């Protein structure tokens, strides 16, 4: 029941963004977005190569709204995703979970150059587990961690395909609101604390381009350096989204996400924890509505 409620919450958020797209028809706005459901099923009977019956679904949605009026710009983007899979003989497992919200206001200083203010939030909807270690004890959940980044800076927007924002003095808060994870010092917080505050520099680079008809690539890379704690250890979050529309309703999407965060320790097979490069890939074919 809990998972059904979580799925309903994801769907409601995505639908609300779709409705907002329909009312944002002012000429100073440029908007686009999509929502899609990818579903897979594997059914095996007397299959010599082996394997298990499995079902999986993944719901993804993205919406972007950009305003330009005189010397003012305001660019915002929201991405939501949630996925589950179930193999025969195993319980339902989460395969994808993302909340991403970013907004950036800018005032033009010179051609293509803006004084800007960045606000970014990232978290997830439901608890996550390391199923190879313990499927009953979560290693993450909503706002554990939750990331906020805010800071003034300079944005360079040379064209509609590319933009970059440098915030030389920005605050990043890592929230761990789960008591157990907080007591364990997860995600870099001091054991018992709920928030890790960092002051440093943040660089965000984004690009979106339709390189073939109905084939669009979107890439976003974030780099963060904490001035007060090992500034040479730069945190990286790089995501690439490839969208290939088959027709009005069907599409194929490929999403990759590479993360390196010096404060996140991954449990190893020998029981130790260490910082590692994290990588995720999600490939899906299904129904998608573009608006």
C-alpha atoms as a PDB file:
ATOM      1  CA  UNK A   1       0.000   0.000   0.000  1.00  0.00           C
ATOM      2  CA  UNK A   2       2.817   2.385   0.856  1.00  0.00           C
ATOM      3  CA  UNK A   3       4.416   1.908  -2.550  1.00  0.00           C
ATOM      4  CA  UNK A   4       1.070   2.518  -4.264  1.00  0.00           C
ATOM      5  CA  UNK A   5       0.693   5.800  -2.402  1.00  0.00           C
ATOM      6  CA  UNK A   6       4.221   6.809  -3.398  1.00  0.00           C
ATOM      7  CA  UNK A   7       3.472   6.016  -7.036  1.00  0.00           C
ATOM      8  CA  UNK A   8       0.275   8.058  -6.858  1.00  0.00           C
ATOM      9  CA  UNK A   9       2.219  10.997  -5.464  1.00  0.00           C
ATOM     10  CA  UNK A  10       4.690  10.829  -8.364  1.00  0.00           C
ATOM     11  CA  UNK A  11       1.854  10.691 -10.888  1.00  0.00           C
ATOM     12  CA  UNK A  12       0.062  13.661  -9.322  1.00  0.00           C
ATOM     13  CA  UNK A  13       3.200  15.780  -9.408  1.00  0.00           C
ATOM     14  CA  UNK A  14       3.821  14.942 -13.053  1.00  0.00           C
ATOM     15  CA  UNK A  15       0.212  15.638 -14.039  1.00  0.00           C
ATOM     16  CA  UNK A  16       0.297  18.987 -12.257  1.00  0.00           C
ATOM     17  CA  UNK A  17       3.400  19.971 -14.231  1.00  0.00           C
ATOM     18  CA  UNK A  18       1.575  18.984 -17.440  1.00  0.00           C
ATOM     19  CA  UNK A  19      -1.393  21.188 -16.547  1.00  0.00           C
ATOM     20  CA  UNK A  20       0.939  24.082 -15.824  1.00  0.00           C
ATOM     21  CA  UNK A  21       2.427  23.666 -19.290  1.00  0.00           C
ATOM     22  CA  UNK A  22      -0.999  24.282 -20.833  1.00  0.00           C
ATOM     23  CA  UNK A  23      -1.506  27.612 -19.113  1.00  0.00           C
ATOM     24  CA  UNK A  24       2.008  28.977 -19.739  1.00  0.00           C
ATOM     25  CA  UNK A  25       1.184  30.429 -23.145  1.00  0.00           C
ATOM     26  CA  UNK A  26       2.551  33.930 -22.627  1.00  0.00           C
ATOM     27  CA  UNK A  27       4.923  34.786 -25.459  1.00  0.00           C
ATOM     28  CA  UNK A  28       7.750  35.606 -23.036  1.00  0.00           C
ATOM     29  CA  UNK A  29       7.787  31.972 -21.891  1.00  0.00           C
ATOM     30  CA  UNK A  30       9.444  29.063 -23.642  1.00  0.00           C
ATOM     31  CA  UNK A  31       8.255  25.732 -22.239  1.00  0.00           C
ATOM     32  CA  UNK A  32       8.653  22.061 -22.997  1.00  0.00           C
ATOM     33  CA  UNK A  33       8.322  18.790 -21.161  1.00  0.00           C
ATOM     34  CA  UNK A  34       7.446  15.139 -21.288  1.00  0.00           C
ATOM     35  CA  UNK A  35       5.953  12.365 -19.207  1.00  0.00           C
ATOM     36  CA  UNK A  36       6.346   8.688 -19.965  1.00  0.00           C
ATOM     37  CA  UNK A  37       5.776   5.202 -18.633  1.00  0.00           C
ATOM     38  CA  UNK A  38       8.163   2.394 -19.544  1.00  0.00           C
ATOM     39  CA  UNK A  39       7.008  -1.185 -18.847  1.00  0.00           C
ATOM     40  CA  UNK A  40       8.852  -4.484 -19.340  1.00  0.00           C
ATOM     41  CA  UNK A  41       7.821  -8.090 -18.763  1.00  0.00           C
ATOM     42  CA  UNK A  42       9.818 -11.324 -19.033  1.00  0.00           C
ATOM     43  CA  UNK A  43       7.935 -14.646 -19.032  1.00  0.00           C
ATOM     44  CA  UNK A  44       9.896 -17.907 -19.316  1.00  0.00           C
ATOM     45  CA  UNK A  45       8.609 -21.461 -19.715  1.00  0.00           C
ATOM     46  CA  UNK A  46      11.055 -24.353 -20.082  1.00  0.00           C
ATOM     47  CA  UNK A  47      13.701 -21.855 -21.165  1.00  0.00           C
ATOM     48  CA  UNK A  48      17.027 -23.695 -21.587  1.00  0.00           C
ATOM     49  CA  UNK A  49      19.166 -20.589 -21.082  1.00  0.00           C
ATOM     50  CA  UNK A  50      17.627 -20.029 -17.655  1.00  0.00           C
ATOM     51  CA  UNK A  51      16.374 -16.854 -16.028  1.00  0.00           C
ATOM     52  CA  UNK A  52      13.423 -15.670 -13.957  1.00  0.00           C
ATOM     53  CA  UNK A  53      10.032 -14.184 -14.742  1.00  0.00           C
ATOM     54  CA  UNK A  54      10.165 -10.465 -14.109  1.00  0.00           C
ATOM     55  CA  UNK A  55       8.093  -7.317 -14.460  1.00  0.00           C
ATOM     56  CA  UNK A  56       9.234  -3.721 -14.171  1.00  0.00           C
ATOM     57  CA  UNK A  57       7.960  -0.218 -14.754  1.00  0.00           C
ATOM     58  CA  UNK A  58       9.538   3.203 -14.732  1.00  0.00           C
ATOM     59  CA  UNK A  59       7.741   6.556 -14.690  1.00  0.00           C
ATOM     60  CA  UNK A  60       9.732   9.598 -15.786  1.00  0.00           C
ATOM     61  CA  UNK A  61       8.816  13.200 -16.361  1.00  0.00           C
ATOM     62  CA  UNK A  62      10.619  16.467 -17.043  1.00  0.00           C
ATOM     63  CA  UNK A  63       9.401  20.016 -17.466  1.00  0.00           C
ATOM     64  CA  UNK A  64      11.331  23.169 -18.316  1.00  0.00           C
ATOM     65  CA  UNK A  65      10.086  26.765 -18.354  1.00  0.00           C
ATOM     66  CA  UNK A  66      12.298  29.647 -19.486  1.00  0.00           C
ATOM     67  CA  UNK A  67      11.337  33.312 -19.289  1.00  0.00           C
ATOM     68  CA  UNK A  68      13.063  36.168 -21.088  1.00  0.00           C
ATOM     69  CA  UNK A  69      11.811  39.733 -20.808  1.00  0.00           C
ATOM     70  CA  UNK A  70      14.073  42.699 -21.428  1.00  0.00           C
ATOM     71  CA  UNK A  71      17.216  42.186 -19.362  1.00  0.00           C
ATOM     72  CA  UNK A  72      15.572  39.549 -17.165  1.00  0.00           C
ATOM     73  CA  UNK A  73      15.734  35.773 -17.538  1.00  0.00           C
ATOM     74  CA  UNK A  74      14.295  33.063 -15.328  1.00  0.00           C
ATOM     75  CA  UNK A  75      15.023  29.426 -16.193  1.00  0.00           C
ATOM     76  CA  UNK A  76      13.498  26.541 -14.223  1.00  0.00           C
ATOM     77  CA  UNK A  77      13.557  22.761 -14.624  1.00  0.00           C
ATOM     78  CA  UNK A  78      11.952  19.877 -12.729  1.00  0.00           C
ATOM     79  CA  UNK A  79      12.661  16.173 -13.190  1.00  0.00           C
ATOM     80  CA  UNK A  80      10.805  13.342 -11.440  1.00  0.00           C
ATOM     81  CA  UNK A  81      11.326   9.603 -11.790  1.00  0.00           C
ATOM     82  CA  UNK A  82      10.251   6.437 -10.007  1.00  0.00           C
ATOM     83  CA  UNK A  83      10.702   2.803 -10.955  1.00  0.00           C
ATOM     84  CA  UNK A  84      10.037  -0.644  -9.480  1.00  0.00           C
ATOM     85  CA  UNK A  85      10.908  -4.160 -10.580  1.00  0.00           C
ATOM     86  CA  UNK A  86       9.918  -7.600  -9.338  1.00  0.00           C
ATOM     87  CA  UNK A  87      11.698 -10.866 -10.100  1.00  0.00           C
ATOM     88  CA  UNK A  88      10.124 -14.256  -9.437  1.00  0.00           C
ATOM     89  CA  UNK A  89      10.943 -15.398  -5.913  1.00  0.00           C
ATOM     90  CA  UNK A  90      11.985 -11.918  -4.793  1.00  0.00           C
ATOM     91  CA  UNK A  91      10.138  -8.948  -3.390  1.00  0.00           C
ATOM     92  CA  UNK A  92       9.508  -5.685  -5.184  1.00  0.00           C
ATOM     93  CA  UNK A  93      12.648  -3.587  -5.453  1.00  0.00           C
ATOM     94  CA  UNK A  94      13.108   0.063  -6.308  1.00  0.00           C
ATOM     95  CA  UNK A  95      15.088   0.650  -9.482  1.00  0.00           C
ATOM     96  CA  UNK A  96      14.799   4.412  -9.983  1.00  0.00           C
ATOM     97  CA  UNK A  97      13.943   7.351  -7.722  1.00  0.00           C
ATOM     98  CA  UNK A  98      14.643  11.040  -8.357  1.00  0.00           C
ATOM     99  CA  UNK A  99      13.436  14.500  -7.404  1.00  0.00           C
ATOM    100  CA  UNK A 100      15.337  17.316  -9.120  1.00  0.00           C
ATOM    101  CA  UNK A 101      14.301  20.994  -9.052  1.00  0.00           C
ATOM    102  CA  UNK A 102      16.470  23.844 -10.330  1.00  0.00           C
ATOM    103  CA  UNK A 103      15.715  27.522 -10.858  1.00  0.00           C
ATOM    104  CA  UNK A 104      18.008  30.349 -11.944  1.00  0.00           C
ATOM    105  CA  UNK A 105      17.183  34.070 -12.178  1.00  0.00           C
ATOM    106  CA  UNK A 106      19.479  36.355 -14.137  1.00  0.00           C
ATOM    107  CA  UNK A 107      19.880  40.057 -14.995  1.00  0.00           C
ATOM    108  CA  UNK A 108      21.790  40.919 -18.154  1.00  0.00           C
ATOM    109  CA  UNK A 109      25.151  42.642 -17.627  1.00  0.00           C
ATOM    110  CA  UNK A 110      26.458  42.273 -21.167  1.00  0.00           C
ATOM    111  CA  UNK A 111      25.578  40.274 -24.266  1.00  0.00           C
ATOM    112  CA  UNK A 112      25.095  36.614 -23.229  1.00  0.00           C
ATOM    113  CA  UNK A 113      26.304  37.415 -19.675  1.00  0.00           C
ATOM    114  CA  UNK A 114      23.988  37.629 -16.647  1.00  0.00           C
ATOM    115  CA  UNK A 115      24.288  38.253 -12.926  1.00  0.00           C
ATOM    116  CA  UNK A 116      22.321  35.342 -11.533  1.00  0.00           C
ATOM    117  CA  UNK A 117      21.041  33.550  -8.443  1.00  0.00           C
ATOM    118  CA  UNK A 118      20.857  29.763  -8.388  1.00  0.00           C
ATOM    119  CA  UNK A 119      18.601  27.526  -6.259  1.00  0.00           C
ATOM    120  CA  UNK A 120      18.810  23.750  -6.568  1.00  0.00           C
ATOM    121  CA  UNK A 121      17.113  20.896  -4.673  1.00  0.00           C
ATOM    122  CA  UNK A 122      17.594  17.131  -5.020  1.00  0.00           C
ATOM    123  CA  UNK A 123      16.236  14.160  -3.085  1.00  0.00           C
ATOM    124  CA  UNK A 124      14.109  11.026  -3.565  1.00  0.00           C
ATOM    125  CA  UNK A 125      10.565   9.799  -2.850  1.00  0.00           C
ATOM    126  CA  UNK A 126      10.945   6.566  -0.876  1.00  0.00           C
ATOM    127  CA  UNK A 127      13.478   4.524   1.160  1.00  0.00           C
ATOM    128  CA  UNK A 128      16.337   2.884  -0.707  1.00  0.00           C
ATOM    129  CA  UNK A 129      18.103  -0.364   0.193  1.00  0.00           C
ATOM    130  CA  UNK A 130      21.332  -2.148  -0.609  1.00  0.00           C
ATOM    131  CA  UNK A 131      19.662  -5.469  -1.392  1.00  0.00           C
ATOM    132  CA  UNK A 132      23.003  -7.312  -1.446  1.00  0.00           C
ATOM    133  CA  UNK A 133      23.622  -6.328   2.196  1.00  0.00           C
ATOM    134  CA  UNK A 134      20.264  -5.943   3.961  1.00  0.00           C
ATOM    135  CA  UNK A 135      16.868  -5.599   2.293  1.00  0.00           C
ATOM    136  CA  UNK A 136      15.175  -4.539   5.534  1.00  0.00           C
ATOM    137  CA  UNK A 137      17.369  -1.618   6.651  1.00  0.00           C
ATOM    138  CA  UNK A 138      17.248   1.480   4.438  1.00  0.00           C
ATOM    139  CA  UNK A 139      20.376   3.354   3.425  1.00  0.00           C
ATOM    140  CA  UNK A 140      18.468   6.407   2.179  1.00  0.00           C
ATOM    141  CA  UNK A 141      14.989   7.977   2.079  1.00  0.00           C
ATOM    142  CA  UNK A 142      13.254  11.301   1.404  1.00  0.00           C
ATOM    143  CA  UNK A 143      15.499  14.097   2.763  1.00  0.00           C
ATOM    144  CA  UNK A 144      18.101  11.549   3.821  1.00  0.00           C
ATOM    145  CA  UNK A 145      19.879  12.783   1.916  1.00  0.00           C
ATOM    146  CA  UNK A 146      18.344  15.974   0.592  1.00  0.00           C
ATOM    147  CA  UNK A 147      20.575  18.547  -1.084  1.00  0.00           C
ATOM    148  CA  UNK A 148      20.066  22.314  -1.308  1.00  0.00           C
ATOM    149  CA  UNK A 149      22.428  24.633  -3.182  1.00  0.00           C
ATOM    150  CA  UNK A 150      21.928  28.395  -3.299  1.00  0.00           C
ATOM    151  CA  UNK A 151      24.228  31.209  -4.313  1.00  0.00           C
ATOM    152  CA  UNK A 152      24.804  34.261  -6.521  1.00  0.00           C
ATOM    153  CA  UNK A 153      26.970  34.014  -9.603  1.00  0.00           C
ATOM    154  CA  UNK A 154      27.438  34.641 -13.293  1.00  0.00           C
ATOM    155  CA  UNK A 155      25.539  32.878 -16.093  1.00  0.00           C
ATOM    156  CA  UNK A 156      26.772  32.618 -19.667  1.00  0.00           C
ATOM    157  CA  UNK A 157      24.032  31.838 -22.194  1.00  0.00           C
ATOM    158  CA  UNK A 158      25.466  32.163 -25.713  1.00  0.00           C
ATOM    159  CA  UNK A 159      22.551  30.408 -27.446  1.00  0.00           C
ATOM    160  CA  UNK A 160      19.457  28.284 -26.832  1.00  0.00           C
ATOM    161  CA  UNK A 161      21.477  25.062 -26.783  1.00  0.00           C
ATOM    162  CA  UNK A 162      23.947  25.790 -23.994  1.00  0.00           C
ATOM    163  CA  UNK A 163      24.312  27.638 -20.692  1.00  0.00           C
ATOM    164  CA  UNK A 164      26.758  27.692 -17.794  1.00  0.00           C
ATOM    165  CA  UNK A 165      26.438  29.200 -14.301  1.00  0.00           C
ATOM    166  CA  UNK A 166      29.371  29.775 -11.950  1.00  0.00           C
ATOM    167  CA  UNK A 167      28.553  30.533  -8.291  1.00  0.00           C
ATOM    168  CA  UNK A 168      31.897  31.326  -6.618  1.00  0.00           C
ATOM    169  CA  UNK A 169      30.311  31.654  -3.169  1.00  0.00           C
ATOM    170  CA  UNK A 170      27.486  29.182  -2.701  1.00  0.00           C
ATOM    171  CA  UNK A 171      26.010  27.296   0.236  1.00  0.00           C
ATOM    172  CA  UNK A 172      25.279  23.595   0.000  1.00  0.00           C
ATOM    173  CA  UNK A 173      23.255  21.915   2.705  1.00  0.00           C
ATOM    174  CA  UNK A 174      23.153  18.126   2.951  1.00  0.00           C
ATOM    175  CA  UNK A 175      20.113  17.136   5.034  1.00  0.00           C
ATOM    176  CA  UNK A 176      19.866  13.748   6.759  1.00  0.00           C
ATOM    177  CA  UNK A 177      16.531  13.862   8.598  1.00  0.00           C
ATOM    178  CA  UNK A 178      16.414  10.146   9.435  1.00  0.00           C
ATOM    179  CA  UNK A 179      17.550   9.686  13.078  1.00  0.00           C
ATOM    180  CA  UNK A 180      19.341   6.379  12.506  1.00  0.00           C
ATOM    181  CA  UNK A 181      21.225   7.567   9.418  1.00  0.00           C
ATOM    182  CA  UNK A 182      22.044  10.826  11.175  1.00  0.00           C
ATOM    183  CA  UNK A 183      23.451   8.952  14.195  1.00  0.00           C
ATOM    184  CA  UNK A 184      25.569   6.856  11.808  1.00  0.00           C
ATOM    185  CA  UNK A 185      27.057   9.999  10.267  1.00  0.00           C
ATOM    186  CA  UNK A 186      25.732   9.089   6.824  1.00  0.00           C
ATOM    187  CA  UNK A 187      26.396  11.369   3.846  1.00  0.00           C
ATOM    188  CA  UNK A 188      29.075  13.335   5.661  1.00  0.00           C
ATOM    189  CA  UNK A 189      27.080  14.796   8.564  1.00  0.00           C
ATOM    190  CA  UNK A 190      28.600  14.784  12.028  1.00  0.00           C
ATOM    191  CA  UNK A 191      27.015  11.828  13.901  1.00  0.00           C
ATOM    192  CA  UNK A 192      23.820  13.080  15.519  1.00  0.00           C
ATOM    193  CA  UNK A 193      23.549  16.193  13.311  1.00  0.00           C
ATOM    194  CA  UNK A 194      20.841  16.631  10.700  1.00  0.00           C
ATOM    195  CA  UNK A 195      22.639  19.025   8.341  1.00  0.00           C
ATOM    196  CA  UNK A 196      26.091  19.307   6.821  1.00  0.00           C
ATOM    197  CA  UNK A 197      26.734  22.939   5.789  1.00  0.00           C
ATOM    198  CA  UNK A 198      29.355  23.661   3.168  1.00  0.00           C
ATOM    199  CA  UNK A 199      30.572  26.903   1.578  1.00  0.00           C
ATOM    200  CA  UNK A 200      32.264  26.675  -1.778  1.00  0.00           C
ATOM    201  CA  UNK A 201      32.117  27.150  -5.529  1.00  0.00           C
ATOM    202  CA  UNK A 202      29.527  25.551  -7.790  1.00  0.00           C
ATOM    203  CA  UNK A 203      29.664  25.240 -11.566  1.00  0.00           C
ATOM    204  CA  UNK A 204      26.614  24.054 -13.517  1.00  0.00           C
ATOM    205  CA  UNK A 205      26.834  23.353 -17.258  1.00  0.00           C
ATOM    206  CA  UNK A 206      23.788  22.381 -19.351  1.00  0.00           C
ATOM    207  CA  UNK A 207      23.228  21.566 -22.991  1.00  0.00           C
ATOM    208  CA  UNK A 208      20.247  20.405 -25.052  1.00  0.00           C
ATOM    209  CA  UNK A 209      20.321  19.670 -28.760  1.00  0.00           C
ATOM    210  CA  UNK A 210      18.165  17.874 -31.350  1.00  0.00           C
ATOM    211  CA  UNK A 211      20.927  16.287 -33.460  1.00  0.00           C
ATOM    212  CA  UNK A 212      18.492  14.277 -35.621  1.00  0.00           C
ATOM    213  CA  UNK A 213      14.755  14.587 -36.204  1.00  0.00           C
ATOM    214  CA  UNK A 214      12.967  13.367 -33.037  1.00  0.00           C
ATOM    215  CA  UNK A 215      16.303  12.539 -31.353  1.00  0.00           C
ATOM    216  CA  UNK A 216      17.273  14.916 -28.545  1.00  0.00           C
ATOM    217  CA  UNK A 217      20.163  14.805 -26.103  1.00  0.00           C
ATOM    218  CA  UNK A 218      20.217  16.723 -22.819  1.00  0.00           C
ATOM    219  CA  UNK A 219      23.318  16.812 -20.631  1.00  0.00           C
ATOM    220  CA  UNK A 220      23.881  18.446 -17.261  1.00  0.00           C
ATOM    221  CA  UNK A 221      27.067  18.494 -15.181  1.00  0.00           C
ATOM    222  CA  UNK A 222      27.494  19.964 -11.689  1.00  0.00           C
ATOM    223  CA  UNK A 223      30.859  20.503 -10.003  1.00  0.00           C
ATOM    224  CA  UNK A 224      31.180  21.579  -6.363  1.00  0.00           C
ATOM    225  CA  UNK A 225      34.283  22.397  -4.313  1.00  0.00           C
ATOM    226  CA  UNK A 226      34.034  23.029  -0.561  1.00  0.00           C
ATOM    227  CA  UNK A 227      36.475  25.801   0.433  1.00  0.00           C
ATOM    228  CA  UNK A 228      36.699  24.686   4.064  1.00  0.00           C
ATOM    229  CA  UNK A 229      37.143  20.908   3.667  1.00  0.00           C
ATOM    230  CA  UNK A 230      39.443  19.412   1.030  1.00  0.00           C
ATOM    231  CA  UNK A 231      38.684  21.880  -1.787  1.00  0.00           C
ATOM    232  CA  UNK A 232      40.741  19.719  -4.174  1.00  0.00           C
ATOM    233  CA  UNK A 233      38.152  16.908  -3.839  1.00  0.00           C
ATOM    234  CA  UNK A 234      35.567  18.167  -6.315  1.00  0.00           C
ATOM    235  CA  UNK A 235      32.099  16.584  -6.164  1.00  0.00           C
ATOM    236  CA  UNK A 236      30.725  15.673  -9.601  1.00  0.00           C
ATOM    237  CA  UNK A 237      27.174  14.934 -10.730  1.00  0.00           C
ATOM    238  CA  UNK A 238      26.911  14.342 -14.496  1.00  0.00           C
ATOM    239  CA  UNK A 239      23.679  13.240 -16.162  1.00  0.00           C
ATOM    240  CA  UNK A 240      22.924  12.525 -19.818  1.00  0.00           C
ATOM    241  CA  UNK A 241      19.399  11.982 -21.165  1.00  0.00           C
ATOM    242  CA  UNK A 242      18.866  10.679 -24.705  1.00  0.00           C
ATOM    243  CA  UNK A 243      15.281  10.784 -25.980  1.00  0.00           C
ATOM    244  CA  UNK A 244      14.318   9.100 -29.256  1.00  0.00           C
ATOM    245  CA  UNK A 245      10.679   9.557 -30.288  1.00  0.00           C
ATOM    246  CA  UNK A 246       9.313   6.699 -32.375  1.00  0.00           C
ATOM    247  CA  UNK A 247       6.023   8.499 -33.050  1.00  0.00           C
ATOM    248  CA  UNK A 248       3.614  10.797 -31.214  1.00  0.00           C
ATOM    249  CA  UNK A 249       3.120   8.339 -28.358  1.00  0.00           C
ATOM    250  CA  UNK A 250       6.051   5.920 -28.226  1.00  0.00           C
ATOM    251  CA  UNK A 251       9.680   6.629 -27.455  1.00  0.00           C
ATOM    252  CA  UNK A 252      12.955   5.196 -26.233  1.00  0.00           C
ATOM    253  CA  UNK A 253      14.923   6.901 -23.475  1.00  0.00           C
ATOM    254  CA  UNK A 254      18.429   6.280 -22.206  1.00  0.00           C
ATOM    255  CA  UNK A 255      19.589   8.022 -19.041  1.00  0.00           C
ATOM    256  CA  UNK A 256      23.027   7.785 -17.475  1.00  0.00           C
ATOM    257  CA  UNK A 257      24.154   9.375 -14.218  1.00  0.00           C
ATOM    258  CA  UNK A 258      27.727   9.519 -12.896  1.00  0.00           C
ATOM    259  CA  UNK A 259      28.256  10.764  -9.330  1.00  0.00           C
ATOM    260  CA  UNK A 260      31.347  11.299  -7.204  1.00  0.00           C
ATOM    261  CA  UNK A 261      30.888  12.742  -3.704  1.00  0.00           C
ATOM    262  CA  UNK A 262      33.746  12.616  -1.217  1.00  0.00           C
ATOM    263  CA  UNK A 263      31.260  12.595   1.686  1.00  0.00           C
ATOM    264  CA  UNK A 264      29.356   9.497   0.502  1.00  0.00           C
ATOM    265  CA  UNK A 265      30.908   6.210   1.612  1.00  0.00           C
ATOM    266  CA  UNK A 266      29.858   2.965  -0.113  1.00  0.00           C
ATOM    267  CA  UNK A 267      29.799  -0.298   1.843  1.00  0.00           C
ATOM    268  CA  UNK A 268      32.251  -2.851   0.389  1.00  0.00           C
ATOM    269  CA  UNK A 269      32.139  -6.662   0.468  1.00  0.00           C
ATOM    270  CA  UNK A 270      34.816  -6.755   3.185  1.00  0.00           C
ATOM    271  CA  UNK A 271      32.649  -4.602   5.480  1.00  0.00           C
ATOM    272  CA  UNK A 272      34.611  -1.367   5.005  1.00  0.00           C
ATOM    273  CA  UNK A 273      33.266   1.845   3.524  1.00  0.00           C
ATOM    274  CA  UNK A 274      35.000   4.037   0.977  1.00  0.00           C
ATOM    275  CA  UNK A 275      34.289   6.770  -1.538  1.00  0.00           C
ATOM    276  CA  UNK A 276      33.562   5.380  -5.011  1.00  0.00           C
ATOM    277  CA  UNK A 277      32.453   6.591  -8.404  1.00  0.00           C
ATOM    278  CA  UNK A 278      28.721   5.874  -8.664  1.00  0.00           C
ATOM    279  CA  UNK A 279      27.074   5.095 -12.009  1.00  0.00           C
ATOM    280  CA  UNK A 280      23.461   4.450 -13.006  1.00  0.00           C
ATOM    281  CA  UNK A 281      21.909   3.628 -16.381  1.00  0.00           C
ATOM    282  CA  UNK A 282      18.192   3.458 -17.177  1.00  0.00           C
ATOM    283  CA  UNK A 283      16.989   2.293 -20.610  1.00  0.00           C
ATOM    284  CA  UNK A 284      13.309   2.162 -21.412  1.00  0.00           C
ATOM    285  CA  UNK A 285      10.820   1.839 -24.266  1.00  0.00           C
ATOM    286  CA  UNK A 286       7.220   2.834 -23.746  1.00  0.00           C
ATOM    287  CA  UNK A 287       4.513   5.468 -23.929  1.00  0.00           C
ATOM    288  CA  UNK A 288       5.582   9.094 -23.754  1.00  0.00           C
ATOM    289  CA  UNK A 289       3.616  12.319 -24.107  1.00  0.00           C
ATOM    290  CA  UNK A 290       5.518  15.465 -25.085  1.00  0.00           C
ATOM    291  CA  UNK A 291       4.090  18.898 -24.327  1.00  0.00           C
END
